[in-house]
Full PDB file with SEQRES, HELIX, SHEET, SSBOND, CRYST1, ORIGX, SCALE, CONECT and MASTER records, all heavy atoms in Angstrom:
SEQRES   1 A   39  PHE HIS ASN ARG PRO ASP PHE GLY THR PHE THR SER ALA          
SEQRES   2 A   39  SER GLN VAL GLN LEU ASP VAL TYR TYR ASP SER LEU ILE          
SEQRES   3 A   39  ASP THR ILE ASN THR PHE GLY LYS LEU GLU PRO TYR LYS          
HELIX    1 AA1 PHE A    7  THR A    9  5                                   3    
HELIX    2 AA2 TYR A   22  SER A   24  5                                   3    
HELIX    3 AA3 LEU A   25  LEU A   35  1                                  11    
CRYST1    1.000    1.000    1.000  90.00  90.00  90.00 P 1           1          
ORIGX1      1.000000  0.000000  0.000000        0.00000                         
ORIGX2      0.000000  1.000000  0.000000        0.00000                         
ORIGX3      0.000000  0.000000  1.000000        0.00000                         
SCALE1      1.000000  0.000000  0.000000        0.00000                         
SCALE2      0.000000  1.000000  0.000000        0.00000                         
SCALE3      0.000000  0.000000  1.000000        0.00000                         
ATOM      1  N   PHE A   1      23.803 -18.228   9.574  1.00  0.00           N  
ATOM      2  CA  PHE A   1      23.057 -17.351  10.492  1.00  0.00           C  
ATOM      3  C   PHE A   1      23.853 -16.058  10.603  1.00  0.00           C  
ATOM      4  O   PHE A   1      25.144 -15.997  10.661  1.00  0.00           O  
ATOM      5  CB  PHE A   1      22.925 -17.915  11.880  1.00  0.00           C  
ATOM      6  CG  PHE A   1      22.064 -19.139  12.025  1.00  0.00           C  
ATOM      7  CD1 PHE A   1      22.704 -20.405  12.117  1.00  0.00           C  
ATOM      8  CD2 PHE A   1      20.627 -19.059  11.928  1.00  0.00           C  
ATOM      9  CE1 PHE A   1      21.920 -21.530  12.200  1.00  0.00           C  
ATOM     10  CE2 PHE A   1      19.857 -20.202  12.049  1.00  0.00           C  
ATOM     11  CZ  PHE A   1      20.492 -21.470  12.166  1.00  0.00           C  
ATOM     12  N   HIS A   2      23.236 -14.865  10.490  1.00  0.00           N  
ATOM     13  CA  HIS A   2      23.811 -13.640  10.852  1.00  0.00           C  
ATOM     14  C   HIS A   2      23.887 -13.545  12.367  1.00  0.00           C  
ATOM     15  O   HIS A   2      23.305 -14.423  13.127  1.00  0.00           O  
ATOM     16  CB  HIS A   2      23.040 -12.445  10.312  1.00  0.00           C  
ATOM     17  CG  HIS A   2      21.541 -12.413  10.737  1.00  0.00           C  
ATOM     18  ND1 HIS A   2      21.170 -12.047  12.043  1.00  0.00           N  
ATOM     19  CD2 HIS A   2      20.446 -12.666  10.092  1.00  0.00           C  
ATOM     20  CE1 HIS A   2      19.864 -12.098  12.137  1.00  0.00           C  
ATOM     21  NE2 HIS A   2      19.362 -12.535  10.948  1.00  0.00           N  
ATOM     22  N   ASN A   3      24.493 -12.526  12.910  1.00  0.00           N  
ATOM     23  CA  ASN A   3      24.684 -12.428  14.348  1.00  0.00           C  
ATOM     24  C   ASN A   3      23.890 -11.333  15.090  1.00  0.00           C  
ATOM     25  O   ASN A   3      24.206 -10.699  15.999  1.00  0.00           O  
ATOM     26  CB  ASN A   3      26.197 -12.152  14.723  1.00  0.00           C  
ATOM     27  CG  ASN A   3      26.686 -10.845  14.110  1.00  0.00           C  
ATOM     28  OD1 ASN A   3      25.972 -10.129  13.356  1.00  0.00           O  
ATOM     29  ND2 ASN A   3      27.890 -10.432  14.443  1.00  0.00           N  
ATOM     30  N   ARG A   4      22.638 -11.070  14.309  1.00  0.00           N  
ATOM     31  CA  ARG A   4      21.780 -10.024  14.919  1.00  0.00           C  
ATOM     32  C   ARG A   4      20.434 -10.729  15.246  1.00  0.00           C  
ATOM     33  O   ARG A   4      19.350 -10.441  14.619  1.00  0.00           O  
ATOM     34  CB  ARG A   4      21.572  -8.925  13.992  1.00  0.00           C  
ATOM     35  CG  ARG A   4      22.713  -8.044  13.817  1.00  0.00           C  
ATOM     36  CD  ARG A   4      23.431  -7.503  15.074  1.00  0.00           C  
ATOM     37  NE  ARG A   4      22.505  -6.715  15.888  1.00  0.00           N  
ATOM     38  CZ  ARG A   4      22.584  -5.442  16.071  1.00  0.00           C  
ATOM     39  NH1 ARG A   4      23.574  -4.720  15.476  1.00  0.00           N  
ATOM     40  NH2 ARG A   4      21.795  -4.785  16.876  1.00  0.00           N  
ATOM     41  N   PRO A   5      20.354 -11.648  16.157  1.00  0.00           N  
ATOM     42  CA  PRO A   5      19.030 -12.313  16.575  1.00  0.00           C  
ATOM     43  C   PRO A   5      18.057 -11.257  17.269  1.00  0.00           C  
ATOM     44  O   PRO A   5      16.905 -11.638  17.363  1.00  0.00           O  
ATOM     45  CB  PRO A   5      19.481 -13.364  17.575  1.00  0.00           C  
ATOM     46  CG  PRO A   5      20.716 -12.834  18.146  1.00  0.00           C  
ATOM     47  CD  PRO A   5      21.385 -12.213  17.030  1.00  0.00           C  
ATOM     48  N   ASP A   6      18.507 -10.109  17.475  1.00  0.00           N  
ATOM     49  CA  ASP A   6      17.613  -8.998  18.012  1.00  0.00           C  
ATOM     50  C   ASP A   6      16.983  -8.215  16.861  1.00  0.00           C  
ATOM     51  O   ASP A   6      16.306  -7.198  17.086  1.00  0.00           O  
ATOM     52  CB  ASP A   6      18.428  -8.015  18.900  1.00  0.00           C  
ATOM     53  CG  ASP A   6      19.562  -7.409  18.264  1.00  0.00           C  
ATOM     54  OD1 ASP A   6      19.908  -7.814  17.095  1.00  0.00           O  
ATOM     55  OD2 ASP A   6      20.075  -6.426  18.780  1.00  0.00           O  
ATOM     56  N   PHE A   7      17.033  -8.778  15.665  1.00  0.00           N  
ATOM     57  CA  PHE A   7      16.652  -7.948  14.498  1.00  0.00           C  
ATOM     58  C   PHE A   7      15.155  -7.560  14.600  1.00  0.00           C  
ATOM     59  O   PHE A   7      14.647  -6.597  14.073  1.00  0.00           O  
ATOM     60  CB  PHE A   7      16.893  -8.642  13.221  1.00  0.00           C  
ATOM     61  CG  PHE A   7      16.066  -9.881  12.948  1.00  0.00           C  
ATOM     62  CD1 PHE A   7      14.835  -9.758  12.185  1.00  0.00           C  
ATOM     63  CD2 PHE A   7      16.343 -11.146  13.395  1.00  0.00           C  
ATOM     64  CE1 PHE A   7      13.994 -10.932  11.945  1.00  0.00           C  
ATOM     65  CE2 PHE A   7      15.560 -12.279  13.171  1.00  0.00           C  
ATOM     66  CZ  PHE A   7      14.450 -12.112  12.521  1.00  0.00           C  
ATOM     67  N   GLY A   8      14.331  -8.408  15.197  1.00  0.00           N  
ATOM     68  CA  GLY A   8      12.871  -8.175  15.282  1.00  0.00           C  
ATOM     69  C   GLY A   8      12.606  -6.788  16.005  1.00  0.00           C  
ATOM     70  O   GLY A   8      11.517  -6.170  15.803  1.00  0.00           O  
ATOM     71  N   THR A   9      13.479  -6.316  16.819  1.00  0.00           N  
ATOM     72  CA  THR A   9      13.319  -5.145  17.590  1.00  0.00           C  
ATOM     73  C   THR A   9      13.623  -3.858  16.756  1.00  0.00           C  
ATOM     74  O   THR A   9      13.291  -2.751  17.240  1.00  0.00           O  
ATOM     75  CB  THR A   9      14.099  -5.122  18.808  1.00  0.00           C  
ATOM     76  OG1 THR A   9      15.542  -5.126  18.463  1.00  0.00           O  
ATOM     77  CG2 THR A   9      13.895  -6.312  19.758  1.00  0.00           C  
ATOM     78  N   PHE A  10      14.208  -4.069  15.574  1.00  0.00           N  
ATOM     79  CA  PHE A  10      14.636  -2.782  14.851  1.00  0.00           C  
ATOM     80  C   PHE A  10      14.244  -2.856  13.381  1.00  0.00           C  
ATOM     81  O   PHE A  10      14.739  -2.042  12.577  1.00  0.00           O  
ATOM     82  CB  PHE A  10      16.083  -2.482  15.059  1.00  0.00           C  
ATOM     83  CG  PHE A  10      17.161  -3.568  14.607  1.00  0.00           C  
ATOM     84  CD1 PHE A  10      17.370  -3.677  13.307  1.00  0.00           C  
ATOM     85  CD2 PHE A  10      17.734  -4.348  15.530  1.00  0.00           C  
ATOM     86  CE1 PHE A  10      18.424  -4.608  12.919  1.00  0.00           C  
ATOM     87  CE2 PHE A  10      18.674  -5.259  15.276  1.00  0.00           C  
ATOM     88  CZ  PHE A  10      18.976  -5.478  13.866  1.00  0.00           C  
ATOM     89  N   THR A  11      13.473  -3.878  12.898  1.00  0.00           N  
ATOM     90  CA  THR A  11      13.002  -3.905  11.614  1.00  0.00           C  
ATOM     91  C   THR A  11      11.567  -3.480  11.519  1.00  0.00           C  
ATOM     92  O   THR A  11      10.737  -3.960  12.338  1.00  0.00           O  
ATOM     93  CB  THR A  11      13.252  -5.319  10.987  1.00  0.00           C  
ATOM     94  OG1 THR A  11      12.543  -6.285  11.819  1.00  0.00           O  
ATOM     95  CG2 THR A  11      14.717  -5.668  10.818  1.00  0.00           C  
ATOM     96  N   SER A  12      11.243  -2.780  10.406  1.00  0.00           N  
ATOM     97  CA  SER A  12       9.885  -2.306  10.247  1.00  0.00           C  
ATOM     98  C   SER A  12       9.379  -2.601   8.789  1.00  0.00           C  
ATOM     99  O   SER A  12      10.105  -2.262   7.825  1.00  0.00           O  
ATOM    100  CB  SER A  12       9.837  -0.721  10.546  1.00  0.00           C  
ATOM    101  OG  SER A  12      10.285  -0.442  11.847  1.00  0.00           O  
ATOM    102  N   ALA A  13       8.157  -3.046   8.695  1.00  0.00           N  
ATOM    103  CA  ALA A  13       7.588  -3.466   7.412  1.00  0.00           C  
ATOM    104  C   ALA A  13       6.337  -2.576   7.140  1.00  0.00           C  
ATOM    105  O   ALA A  13       5.735  -1.925   8.022  1.00  0.00           O  
ATOM    106  CB  ALA A  13       7.197  -4.989   7.564  1.00  0.00           C  
ATOM    107  N   SER A  14       5.936  -2.632   5.847  1.00  0.00           N  
ATOM    108  CA  SER A  14       4.652  -2.127   5.432  1.00  0.00           C  
ATOM    109  C   SER A  14       3.945  -3.226   4.801  1.00  0.00           C  
ATOM    110  O   SER A  14       4.330  -3.758   3.690  1.00  0.00           O  
ATOM    111  CB  SER A  14       4.813  -1.017   4.445  1.00  0.00           C  
ATOM    112  OG  SER A  14       3.577  -0.490   3.991  1.00  0.00           O  
ATOM    113  N   GLN A  15       2.971  -3.790   5.402  1.00  0.00           N  
ATOM    114  CA  GLN A  15       2.281  -4.994   5.111  1.00  0.00           C  
ATOM    115  C   GLN A  15       0.842  -4.721   4.682  1.00  0.00           C  
ATOM    116  O   GLN A  15       0.227  -3.807   5.327  1.00  0.00           O  
ATOM    117  CB  GLN A  15       2.263  -6.006   6.233  1.00  0.00           C  
ATOM    118  CG  GLN A  15       3.699  -6.457   6.469  1.00  0.00           C  
ATOM    119  CD  GLN A  15       3.901  -7.220   7.734  1.00  0.00           C  
ATOM    120  OE1 GLN A  15       5.031  -7.683   8.081  1.00  0.00           O  
ATOM    121  NE2 GLN A  15       2.825  -7.394   8.549  1.00  0.00           N  
ATOM    122  N   VAL A  16       0.282  -5.488   3.837  1.00  0.00           N  
ATOM    123  CA  VAL A  16      -1.089  -5.373   3.412  1.00  0.00           C  
ATOM    124  C   VAL A  16      -1.639  -6.809   3.293  1.00  0.00           C  
ATOM    125  O   VAL A  16      -1.030  -7.686   2.754  1.00  0.00           O  
ATOM    126  CB  VAL A  16      -1.221  -4.606   2.063  1.00  0.00           C  
ATOM    127  CG1 VAL A  16      -0.487  -5.235   0.935  1.00  0.00           C  
ATOM    128  CG2 VAL A  16      -2.721  -4.466   1.677  1.00  0.00           C  
ATOM    129  N   GLN A  17      -2.873  -6.879   3.832  1.00  0.00           N  
ATOM    130  CA  GLN A  17      -3.624  -8.257   3.779  1.00  0.00           C  
ATOM    131  C   GLN A  17      -4.754  -8.060   2.857  1.00  0.00           C  
ATOM    132  O   GLN A  17      -5.544  -7.113   2.985  1.00  0.00           O  
ATOM    133  CB  GLN A  17      -4.076  -8.712   5.184  1.00  0.00           C  
ATOM    134  CG  GLN A  17      -3.121  -9.298   6.051  1.00  0.00           C  
ATOM    135  CD  GLN A  17      -3.714 -10.124   7.151  1.00  0.00           C  
ATOM    136  OE1 GLN A  17      -4.542 -10.894   7.000  1.00  0.00           O  
ATOM    137  NE2 GLN A  17      -3.127  -9.972   8.334  1.00  0.00           N  
ATOM    138  N   LEU A  18      -4.937  -8.913   1.851  1.00  0.00           N  
ATOM    139  CA  LEU A  18      -6.038  -8.827   0.957  1.00  0.00           C  
ATOM    140  C   LEU A  18      -6.790 -10.134   0.955  1.00  0.00           C  
ATOM    141  O   LEU A  18      -6.159 -11.231   0.884  1.00  0.00           O  
ATOM    142  CB  LEU A  18      -5.584  -8.482  -0.391  1.00  0.00           C  
ATOM    143  CG  LEU A  18      -4.861  -7.178  -0.603  1.00  0.00           C  
ATOM    144  CD1 LEU A  18      -4.268  -7.101  -2.025  1.00  0.00           C  
ATOM    145  CD2 LEU A  18      -5.744  -5.929  -0.306  1.00  0.00           C  
ATOM    146  N   ASP A  19      -8.144 -10.043   0.939  1.00  0.00           N  
ATOM    147  CA  ASP A  19      -8.934 -11.291   0.835  1.00  0.00           C  
ATOM    148  C   ASP A  19      -8.672 -11.938  -0.477  1.00  0.00           C  
ATOM    149  O   ASP A  19      -8.363 -11.364  -1.524  1.00  0.00           O  
ATOM    150  CB  ASP A  19     -10.446 -10.909   0.799  1.00  0.00           C  
ATOM    151  CG  ASP A  19     -10.904 -10.571   2.220  1.00  0.00           C  
ATOM    152  OD1 ASP A  19     -10.959 -11.422   3.022  1.00  0.00           O  
ATOM    153  OD2 ASP A  19     -11.280  -9.406   2.414  1.00  0.00           O  
ATOM    154  N   VAL A  20      -8.538 -13.235  -0.465  1.00  0.00           N  
ATOM    155  CA  VAL A  20      -8.192 -14.116  -1.651  1.00  0.00           C  
ATOM    156  C   VAL A  20      -9.216 -15.157  -1.777  1.00  0.00           C  
ATOM    157  O   VAL A  20      -9.742 -15.664  -0.772  1.00  0.00           O  
ATOM    158  CB  VAL A  20      -6.775 -14.660  -1.529  1.00  0.00           C  
ATOM    159  CG1 VAL A  20      -6.605 -15.681  -0.419  1.00  0.00           C  
ATOM    160  CG2 VAL A  20      -6.333 -15.315  -2.864  1.00  0.00           C  
ATOM    161  N   TYR A  21      -9.599 -15.532  -2.988  1.00  0.00           N  
ATOM    162  CA  TYR A  21     -10.747 -16.442  -3.197  1.00  0.00           C  
ATOM    163  C   TYR A  21     -10.061 -17.805  -3.749  1.00  0.00           C  
ATOM    164  O   TYR A  21      -9.164 -17.876  -4.471  1.00  0.00           O  
ATOM    165  CB  TYR A  21     -11.658 -15.835  -4.125  1.00  0.00           C  
ATOM    166  CG  TYR A  21     -12.117 -14.462  -3.775  1.00  0.00           C  
ATOM    167  CD1 TYR A  21     -12.030 -13.368  -4.603  1.00  0.00           C  
ATOM    168  CD2 TYR A  21     -12.631 -14.296  -2.414  1.00  0.00           C  
ATOM    169  CE1 TYR A  21     -12.449 -12.167  -4.155  1.00  0.00           C  
ATOM    170  CE2 TYR A  21     -13.054 -13.022  -2.001  1.00  0.00           C  
ATOM    171  CZ  TYR A  21     -12.984 -11.910  -2.897  1.00  0.00           C  
ATOM    172  OH  TYR A  21     -13.330 -10.674  -2.468  1.00  0.00           O  
ATOM    173  N   TYR A  22     -10.844 -18.878  -3.388  1.00  0.00           N  
ATOM    174  CA  TYR A  22     -10.345 -20.180  -3.665  1.00  0.00           C  
ATOM    175  C   TYR A  22      -9.971 -20.367  -5.085  1.00  0.00           C  
ATOM    176  O   TYR A  22      -8.902 -20.924  -5.393  1.00  0.00           O  
ATOM    177  CB  TYR A  22     -11.460 -21.217  -3.237  1.00  0.00           C  
ATOM    178  CG  TYR A  22     -11.131 -22.690  -3.527  1.00  0.00           C  
ATOM    179  CD1 TYR A  22     -10.416 -23.390  -2.502  1.00  0.00           C  
ATOM    180  CD2 TYR A  22     -11.554 -23.277  -4.730  1.00  0.00           C  
ATOM    181  CE1 TYR A  22     -10.158 -24.680  -2.784  1.00  0.00           C  
ATOM    182  CE2 TYR A  22     -11.193 -24.585  -4.879  1.00  0.00           C  
ATOM    183  CZ  TYR A  22     -10.560 -25.273  -3.967  1.00  0.00           C  
ATOM    184  OH  TYR A  22     -10.252 -26.654  -4.148  1.00  0.00           O  
ATOM    185  N   ASP A  23     -10.879 -19.951  -5.956  1.00  0.00           N  
ATOM    186  CA  ASP A  23     -10.617 -20.201  -7.412  1.00  0.00           C  
ATOM    187  C   ASP A  23      -9.409 -19.513  -8.052  1.00  0.00           C  
ATOM    188  O   ASP A  23      -8.847 -19.882  -9.019  1.00  0.00           O  
ATOM    189  CB  ASP A  23     -11.835 -19.783  -8.287  1.00  0.00           C  
ATOM    190  CG  ASP A  23     -13.056 -20.669  -8.027  1.00  0.00           C  
ATOM    191  OD1 ASP A  23     -12.864 -21.815  -7.459  1.00  0.00           O  
ATOM    192  OD2 ASP A  23     -14.169 -20.277  -8.367  1.00  0.00           O  
ATOM    193  N   SER A  24      -9.001 -18.467  -7.430  1.00  0.00           N  
ATOM    194  CA  SER A  24      -7.823 -17.739  -7.818  1.00  0.00           C  
ATOM    195  C   SER A  24      -6.565 -17.789  -6.834  1.00  0.00           C  
ATOM    196  O   SER A  24      -5.549 -17.121  -7.010  1.00  0.00           O  
ATOM    197  CB  SER A  24      -8.076 -16.295  -8.123  1.00  0.00           C  
ATOM    198  OG  SER A  24      -8.569 -15.614  -6.922  1.00  0.00           O  
ATOM    199  N   LEU A  25      -6.707 -18.642  -5.880  1.00  0.00           N  
ATOM    200  CA  LEU A  25      -5.727 -18.705  -4.816  1.00  0.00           C  
ATOM    201  C   LEU A  25      -4.299 -19.193  -5.396  1.00  0.00           C  
ATOM    202  O   LEU A  25      -3.277 -18.459  -5.124  1.00  0.00           O  
ATOM    203  CB  LEU A  25      -6.114 -19.767  -3.759  1.00  0.00           C  
ATOM    204  CG  LEU A  25      -5.040 -20.011  -2.604  1.00  0.00           C  
ATOM    205  CD1 LEU A  25      -4.713 -18.720  -1.932  1.00  0.00           C  
ATOM    206  CD2 LEU A  25      -5.755 -21.043  -1.663  1.00  0.00           C  
ATOM    207  N   ILE A  26      -4.241 -20.127  -6.189  1.00  0.00           N  
ATOM    208  CA  ILE A  26      -2.984 -20.607  -6.718  1.00  0.00           C  
ATOM    209  C   ILE A  26      -2.368 -19.610  -7.641  1.00  0.00           C  
ATOM    210  O   ILE A  26      -1.167 -19.273  -7.555  1.00  0.00           O  
ATOM    211  CB  ILE A  26      -3.095 -21.959  -7.407  1.00  0.00           C  
ATOM    212  CG1 ILE A  26      -3.621 -23.036  -6.385  1.00  0.00           C  
ATOM    213  CG2 ILE A  26      -1.699 -22.312  -7.998  1.00  0.00           C  
ATOM    214  CD1 ILE A  26      -2.640 -23.179  -5.180  1.00  0.00           C  
ATOM    215  N   ASP A  27      -3.162 -19.081  -8.563  1.00  0.00           N  
ATOM    216  CA  ASP A  27      -2.735 -18.011  -9.395  1.00  0.00           C  
ATOM    217  C   ASP A  27      -2.211 -16.865  -8.640  1.00  0.00           C  
ATOM    218  O   ASP A  27      -1.167 -16.148  -9.055  1.00  0.00           O  
ATOM    219  CB  ASP A  27      -3.792 -17.556 -10.403  1.00  0.00           C  
ATOM    220  CG  ASP A  27      -3.945 -18.523 -11.573  1.00  0.00           C  
ATOM    221  OD1 ASP A  27      -3.095 -19.353 -11.770  1.00  0.00           O  
ATOM    222  OD2 ASP A  27      -4.951 -18.456 -12.264  1.00  0.00           O  
ATOM    223  N   THR A  28      -2.819 -16.371  -7.586  1.00  0.00           N  
ATOM    224  CA  THR A  28      -2.390 -15.286  -6.795  1.00  0.00           C  
ATOM    225  C   THR A  28      -1.009 -15.429  -6.262  1.00  0.00           C  
ATOM    226  O   THR A  28      -0.152 -14.583  -6.349  1.00  0.00           O  
ATOM    227  CB  THR A  28      -3.483 -14.957  -5.679  1.00  0.00           C  
ATOM    228  OG1 THR A  28      -4.790 -14.606  -6.337  1.00  0.00           O  
ATOM    229  CG2 THR A  28      -2.984 -13.664  -4.919  1.00  0.00           C  
ATOM    230  N   ILE A  29      -0.853 -16.621  -5.611  1.00  0.00           N  
ATOM    231  CA  ILE A  29       0.437 -16.968  -5.019  1.00  0.00           C  
ATOM    232  C   ILE A  29       1.568 -16.992  -6.023  1.00  0.00           C  
ATOM    233  O   ILE A  29       2.638 -16.357  -5.825  1.00  0.00           O  
ATOM    234  CB  ILE A  29       0.399 -18.260  -4.130  1.00  0.00           C  
ATOM    235  CG1 ILE A  29      -0.579 -18.067  -3.019  1.00  0.00           C  
ATOM    236  CG2 ILE A  29       1.780 -18.687  -3.813  1.00  0.00           C  
ATOM    237  CD1 ILE A  29      -0.792 -19.426  -2.201  1.00  0.00           C  
ATOM    238  N   ASN A  30       1.347 -17.721  -7.205  1.00  0.00           N  
ATOM    239  CA  ASN A  30       2.324 -17.855  -8.134  1.00  0.00           C  
ATOM    240  C   ASN A  30       2.704 -16.510  -8.882  1.00  0.00           C  
ATOM    241  O   ASN A  30       3.844 -16.195  -9.076  1.00  0.00           O  
ATOM    242  CB  ASN A  30       1.881 -18.814  -9.285  1.00  0.00           C  
ATOM    243  CG  ASN A  30       1.895 -20.208  -8.804  1.00  0.00           C  
ATOM    244  OD1 ASN A  30       2.626 -20.593  -7.845  1.00  0.00           O  
ATOM    245  ND2 ASN A  30       1.089 -21.132  -9.430  1.00  0.00           N  
ATOM    246  N   THR A  31       1.623 -15.704  -9.175  1.00  0.00           N  
ATOM    247  CA  THR A  31       1.850 -14.539  -9.913  1.00  0.00           C  
ATOM    248  C   THR A  31       2.550 -13.491  -8.999  1.00  0.00           C  
ATOM    249  O   THR A  31       3.561 -12.772  -9.557  1.00  0.00           O  
ATOM    250  CB  THR A  31       0.498 -13.932 -10.468  1.00  0.00           C  
ATOM    251  OG1 THR A  31      -0.090 -14.943 -11.286  1.00  0.00           O  
ATOM    252  CG2 THR A  31       0.740 -12.673 -11.276  1.00  0.00           C  
ATOM    253  N   PHE A  32       2.153 -13.230  -7.814  1.00  0.00           N  
ATOM    254  CA  PHE A  32       2.773 -12.300  -7.032  1.00  0.00           C  
ATOM    255  C   PHE A  32       4.214 -12.827  -6.524  1.00  0.00           C  
ATOM    256  O   PHE A  32       5.057 -11.964  -6.271  1.00  0.00           O  
ATOM    257  CB  PHE A  32       1.856 -11.965  -5.808  1.00  0.00           C  
ATOM    258  CG  PHE A  32       0.854 -11.005  -5.993  1.00  0.00           C  
ATOM    259  CD1 PHE A  32      -0.339 -11.309  -6.481  1.00  0.00           C  
ATOM    260  CD2 PHE A  32       1.180  -9.598  -5.807  1.00  0.00           C  
ATOM    261  CE1 PHE A  32      -1.320 -10.348  -6.746  1.00  0.00           C  
ATOM    262  CE2 PHE A  32       0.157  -8.617  -6.127  1.00  0.00           C  
ATOM    263  CZ  PHE A  32      -1.088  -9.039  -6.545  1.00  0.00           C  
ATOM    264  N   GLY A  33       4.452 -14.130  -6.594  1.00  0.00           N  
ATOM    265  CA  GLY A  33       5.762 -14.541  -6.368  1.00  0.00           C  
ATOM    266  C   GLY A  33       6.698 -14.140  -7.524  1.00  0.00           C  
ATOM    267  O   GLY A  33       7.885 -13.727  -7.268  1.00  0.00           O  
ATOM    268  N   LYS A  34       6.196 -14.253  -8.663  1.00  0.00           N  
ATOM    269  CA  LYS A  34       7.008 -13.789  -9.902  1.00  0.00           C  
ATOM    270  C   LYS A  34       7.249 -12.300  -9.894  1.00  0.00           C  
ATOM    271  O   LYS A  34       8.149 -11.726 -10.373  1.00  0.00           O  
ATOM    272  CB  LYS A  34       6.344 -14.182 -11.184  1.00  0.00           C  
ATOM    273  CG  LYS A  34       6.371 -15.641 -11.483  1.00  0.00           C  
ATOM    274  CD  LYS A  34       5.676 -15.974 -12.801  1.00  0.00           C  
ATOM    275  CE  LYS A  34       5.659 -17.434 -13.141  1.00  0.00           C  
ATOM    276  NZ  LYS A  34       4.990 -17.686 -14.358  1.00  0.00           N  
ATOM    277  N   LEU A  35       6.313 -11.576  -9.137  1.00  0.00           N  
ATOM    278  CA  LEU A  35       6.399 -10.130  -9.061  1.00  0.00           C  
ATOM    279  C   LEU A  35       7.544  -9.627  -8.166  1.00  0.00           C  
ATOM    280  O   LEU A  35       7.954  -8.559  -8.172  1.00  0.00           O  
ATOM    281  CB  LEU A  35       5.117  -9.554  -8.700  1.00  0.00           C  
ATOM    282  CG  LEU A  35       4.900  -8.058  -8.608  1.00  0.00           C  
ATOM    283  CD1 LEU A  35       5.026  -7.419  -9.977  1.00  0.00           C  
ATOM    284  CD2 LEU A  35       3.574  -7.633  -7.995  1.00  0.00           C  
ATOM    285  N   GLU A  36       7.872 -10.491  -7.225  1.00  0.00           N  
ATOM    286  CA  GLU A  36       8.753 -10.092  -6.094  1.00  0.00           C  
ATOM    287  C   GLU A  36      10.058  -9.494  -6.534  1.00  0.00           C  
ATOM    288  O   GLU A  36      10.457  -8.440  -5.939  1.00  0.00           O  
ATOM    289  CB  GLU A  36       9.056 -11.410  -5.174  1.00  0.00           C  
ATOM    290  CG  GLU A  36       8.001 -11.739  -4.259  1.00  0.00           C  
ATOM    291  CD  GLU A  36       7.677 -10.622  -3.231  1.00  0.00           C  
ATOM    292  OE1 GLU A  36       8.622  -9.885  -2.878  1.00  0.00           O  
ATOM    293  OE2 GLU A  36       6.601 -10.654  -2.754  1.00  0.00           O  
ATOM    294  N   PRO A  37      10.756  -9.902  -7.531  1.00  0.00           N  
ATOM    295  CA  PRO A  37      11.995  -9.136  -7.961  1.00  0.00           C  
ATOM    296  C   PRO A  37      11.655  -7.702  -8.386  1.00  0.00           C  
ATOM    297  O   PRO A  37      12.554  -6.827  -7.973  1.00  0.00           O  
ATOM    298  CB  PRO A  37      12.541  -9.895  -9.118  1.00  0.00           C  
ATOM    299  CG  PRO A  37      11.933 -11.361  -8.996  1.00  0.00           C  
ATOM    300  CD  PRO A  37      10.514 -11.111  -8.335  1.00  0.00           C  
ATOM    301  N   TYR A  38      10.565  -7.424  -9.032  1.00  0.00           N  
ATOM    302  CA  TYR A  38      10.268  -6.053  -9.442  1.00  0.00           C  
ATOM    303  C   TYR A  38       9.917  -5.207  -8.110  1.00  0.00           C  
ATOM    304  O   TYR A  38      10.199  -4.093  -8.030  1.00  0.00           O  
ATOM    305  CB  TYR A  38       9.086  -6.030 -10.338  1.00  0.00           C  
ATOM    306  CG  TYR A  38       9.442  -6.575 -11.719  1.00  0.00           C  
ATOM    307  CD1 TYR A  38       8.969  -7.771 -12.203  1.00  0.00           C  
ATOM    308  CD2 TYR A  38      10.181  -5.920 -12.604  1.00  0.00           C  
ATOM    309  CE1 TYR A  38       9.256  -8.227 -13.505  1.00  0.00           C  
ATOM    310  CE2 TYR A  38      10.605  -6.309 -13.786  1.00  0.00           C  
ATOM    311  CZ  TYR A  38      10.128  -7.476 -14.285  1.00  0.00           C  
ATOM    312  OH  TYR A  38      10.471  -7.948 -15.578  1.00  0.00           O  
ATOM    313  N   LYS A  39       9.248  -5.915  -7.195  1.00  0.00           N  
ATOM    314  CA  LYS A  39       8.985  -5.152  -5.822  1.00  0.00           C  
ATOM    315  C   LYS A  39      10.171  -4.842  -5.171  1.00  0.00           C  
ATOM    316  O   LYS A  39      10.266  -3.752  -4.536  1.00  0.00           O  
ATOM    317  CB  LYS A  39       8.066  -6.077  -5.038  1.00  0.00           C  
ATOM    318  CG  LYS A  39       6.631  -6.223  -5.437  1.00  0.00           C  
ATOM    319  CD  LYS A  39       5.814  -7.151  -4.724  1.00  0.00           C  
ATOM    320  CE  LYS A  39       5.844  -6.984  -3.216  1.00  0.00           C  
ATOM    321  NZ  LYS A  39       5.023  -8.051  -2.421  1.00  0.00           N  
TER     322      LYS A  39                                                      
MASTER        0    0    0    3    0    0    0    6  321    1    0    3          
END                                                                             
């Protein structure tokens, strides 16, 4: 554990929610997971 449990008060994100469809759900999670290092 780090020693900044107050981190939620000073961290800021840019988030996007996108509709996902059943037939491509697993591919979406796996593919964007592999993309994370590039992000």
